[in-house]
């Protein structure tokens, strides 16, 4: 379900559906959670709200792109533990 808020005037359901369809077409990889439609005379300002996407950290360790170290064998774990970590100043 998409939460729609219309302010500053009224819109017909087919107009609201148009703005929802535009958002889903323009941002196909995002999940539309809500939309604020502000009516300003003949113009409509649309502000889209998307669902948060879980972020998984990926690191480059010993030549491999990994999210976690759970699949590393003992030798790779030792190599990761012995590496020099550089900090930001």
C-alpha atoms as a PDB file:
ATOM      1  CA  UNK A   1       0.000   0.000   0.000  1.00  0.00           C
ATOM      2  CA  UNK A   2       1.270   3.422  -0.934  1.00  0.00           C
ATOM      3  CA  UNK A   3       0.504   6.350   1.386  1.00  0.00           C
ATOM      4  CA  UNK A   4      -0.643   9.373  -0.689  1.00  0.00           C
ATOM      5  CA  UNK A   5      -1.003  12.887   0.769  1.00  0.00           C
ATOM      6  CA  UNK A   6      -2.529  15.644  -1.383  1.00  0.00           C
ATOM      7  CA  UNK A   7      -2.231  19.246  -0.175  1.00  0.00           C
ATOM      8  CA  UNK A   8      -3.143  22.625  -1.663  1.00  0.00           C
ATOM      9  CA  UNK A   9      -6.040  21.328  -3.737  1.00  0.00           C
ATOM     10  CA  UNK A  10      -7.732  18.205  -5.003  1.00  0.00           C
ATOM     11  CA  UNK A  11      -6.681  15.561  -7.509  1.00  0.00           C
ATOM     12  CA  UNK A  12      -8.756  12.881  -9.167  1.00  0.00           C
ATOM     13  CA  UNK A  13      -7.792   9.255  -8.580  1.00  0.00           C
ATOM     14  CA  UNK A  14      -6.556   8.831 -12.172  1.00  0.00           C
ATOM     15  CA  UNK A  15      -4.148  11.755 -11.647  1.00  0.00           C
ATOM     16  CA  UNK A  16      -2.848  10.228  -8.417  1.00  0.00           C
ATOM     17  CA  UNK A  17      -2.408   6.890 -10.183  1.00  0.00           C
ATOM     18  CA  UNK A  18      -0.438   8.681 -12.913  1.00  0.00           C
ATOM     19  CA  UNK A  19       2.068  10.104 -10.407  1.00  0.00           C
ATOM     20  CA  UNK A  20       2.450   6.717  -8.729  1.00  0.00           C
ATOM     21  CA  UNK A  21       3.073   5.066 -12.105  1.00  0.00           C
ATOM     22  CA  UNK A  22       5.636   7.750 -13.007  1.00  0.00           C
ATOM     23  CA  UNK A  23       7.563   7.103  -9.784  1.00  0.00           C
ATOM     24  CA  UNK A  24       7.553   3.343 -10.321  1.00  0.00           C
ATOM     25  CA  UNK A  25       8.717   3.778 -13.925  1.00  0.00           C
ATOM     26  CA  UNK A  26      11.445   6.300 -13.057  1.00  0.00           C
ATOM     27  CA  UNK A  27      12.720   4.322 -10.043  1.00  0.00           C
ATOM     28  CA  UNK A  28      12.092   0.630 -10.900  1.00  0.00           C
ATOM     29  CA  UNK A  29      14.630  -0.684  -8.362  1.00  0.00           C
ATOM     30  CA  UNK A  30      13.107   1.159  -5.397  1.00  0.00           C
ATOM     31  CA  UNK A  31      10.002   0.323  -3.364  1.00  0.00           C
ATOM     32  CA  UNK A  32       7.634   3.312  -3.278  1.00  0.00           C
ATOM     33  CA  UNK A  33       6.336   3.749   0.274  1.00  0.00           C
ATOM     34  CA  UNK A  34       4.501   7.065  -0.091  1.00  0.00           C
ATOM     35  CA  UNK A  35       4.043  10.195  -2.135  1.00  0.00           C
ATOM     36  CA  UNK A  36       3.276  13.803  -1.197  1.00  0.00           C
ATOM     37  CA  UNK A  37       1.476  15.726  -3.947  1.00  0.00           C
ATOM     38  CA  UNK A  38       1.317  19.498  -3.481  1.00  0.00           C
ATOM     39  CA  UNK A  39      -1.139  21.191  -5.850  1.00  0.00           C
ATOM     40  CA  UNK A  40       0.022  24.694  -6.861  1.00  0.00           C
ATOM     41  CA  UNK A  41      -2.484  26.055  -9.360  1.00  0.00           C
ATOM     42  CA  UNK A  42      -1.940  24.127 -12.596  1.00  0.00           C
ATOM     43  CA  UNK A  43       1.248  22.514 -11.270  1.00  0.00           C
ATOM     44  CA  UNK A  44       1.800  19.565  -8.964  1.00  0.00           C
ATOM     45  CA  UNK A  45       4.975  19.095  -6.937  1.00  0.00           C
ATOM     46  CA  UNK A  46       5.645  15.448  -6.145  1.00  0.00           C
ATOM     47  CA  UNK A  47       7.870  14.207  -3.333  1.00  0.00           C
ATOM     48  CA  UNK A  48       8.452  10.462  -3.257  1.00  0.00           C
ATOM     49  CA  UNK A  49       9.208   8.387  -0.174  1.00  0.00           C
ATOM     50  CA  UNK A  50      10.943   5.061  -0.663  1.00  0.00           C
ATOM     51  CA  UNK A  51      11.389   2.141   1.708  1.00  0.00           C
ATOM     52  CA  UNK A  52      14.817   1.767   3.287  1.00  0.00           C
ATOM     53  CA  UNK A  53      17.080  -0.795   1.684  1.00  0.00           C
ATOM     54  CA  UNK A  54      19.142  -2.927   4.041  1.00  0.00           C
ATOM     55  CA  UNK A  55      22.830  -2.233   3.538  1.00  0.00           C
ATOM     56  CA  UNK A  56      25.437  -4.936   3.803  1.00  0.00           C
ATOM     57  CA  UNK A  57      29.038  -3.900   4.167  1.00  0.00           C
ATOM     58  CA  UNK A  58      31.345  -5.385   1.553  1.00  0.00           C
ATOM     59  CA  UNK A  59      35.093  -5.228   1.997  1.00  0.00           C
ATOM     60  CA  UNK A  60      38.022  -6.174  -0.146  1.00  0.00           C
ATOM     61  CA  UNK A  61      40.143  -8.506   1.951  1.00  0.00           C
ATOM     62  CA  UNK A  62      43.146 -10.398   0.663  1.00  0.00           C
ATOM     63  CA  UNK A  63      41.969  -9.966  -2.913  1.00  0.00           C
ATOM     64  CA  UNK A  64      38.351 -11.062  -2.361  1.00  0.00           C
ATOM     65  CA  UNK A  65      35.143  -9.032  -2.041  1.00  0.00           C
ATOM     66  CA  UNK A  66      33.394 -10.320   1.067  1.00  0.00           C
ATOM     67  CA  UNK A  67      30.566  -9.325   3.380  1.00  0.00           C
ATOM     68  CA  UNK A  68      31.599 -11.569   6.279  1.00  0.00           C
ATOM     69  CA  UNK A  69      34.552 -13.780   7.100  1.00  0.00           C
ATOM     70  CA  UNK A  70      32.522 -16.862   8.015  1.00  0.00           C
ATOM     71  CA  UNK A  71      33.399 -18.693   4.771  1.00  0.00           C
ATOM     72  CA  UNK A  72      37.155 -18.097   5.092  1.00  0.00           C
ATOM     73  CA  UNK A  73      39.368 -21.039   5.964  1.00  0.00           C
ATOM     74  CA  UNK A  74      41.950 -20.782   8.784  1.00  0.00           C
ATOM     75  CA  UNK A  75      44.718 -19.577   6.449  1.00  0.00           C
ATOM     76  CA  UNK A  76      42.596 -16.720   5.049  1.00  0.00           C
ATOM     77  CA  UNK A  77      41.442 -15.772   8.547  1.00  0.00           C
ATOM     78  CA  UNK A  78      45.081 -15.603   9.683  1.00  0.00           C
ATOM     79  CA  UNK A  79      45.971 -13.521   6.619  1.00  0.00           C
ATOM     80  CA  UNK A  80      43.123 -11.091   7.393  1.00  0.00           C
ATOM     81  CA  UNK A  81      44.172 -10.852  11.043  1.00  0.00           C
ATOM     82  CA  UNK A  82      47.813 -10.108  10.108  1.00  0.00           C
ATOM     83  CA  UNK A  83      47.075  -7.402   7.538  1.00  0.00           C
ATOM     84  CA  UNK A  84      47.886  -3.762   8.247  1.00  0.00           C
ATOM     85  CA  UNK A  85      44.777  -1.626   8.689  1.00  0.00           C
ATOM     86  CA  UNK A  86      45.141   2.018   7.663  1.00  0.00           C
ATOM     87  CA  UNK A  87      43.082   4.689   9.380  1.00  0.00           C
ATOM     88  CA  UNK A  88      41.870   8.070   8.218  1.00  0.00           C
ATOM     89  CA  UNK A  89      43.378  11.217   9.668  1.00  0.00           C
END
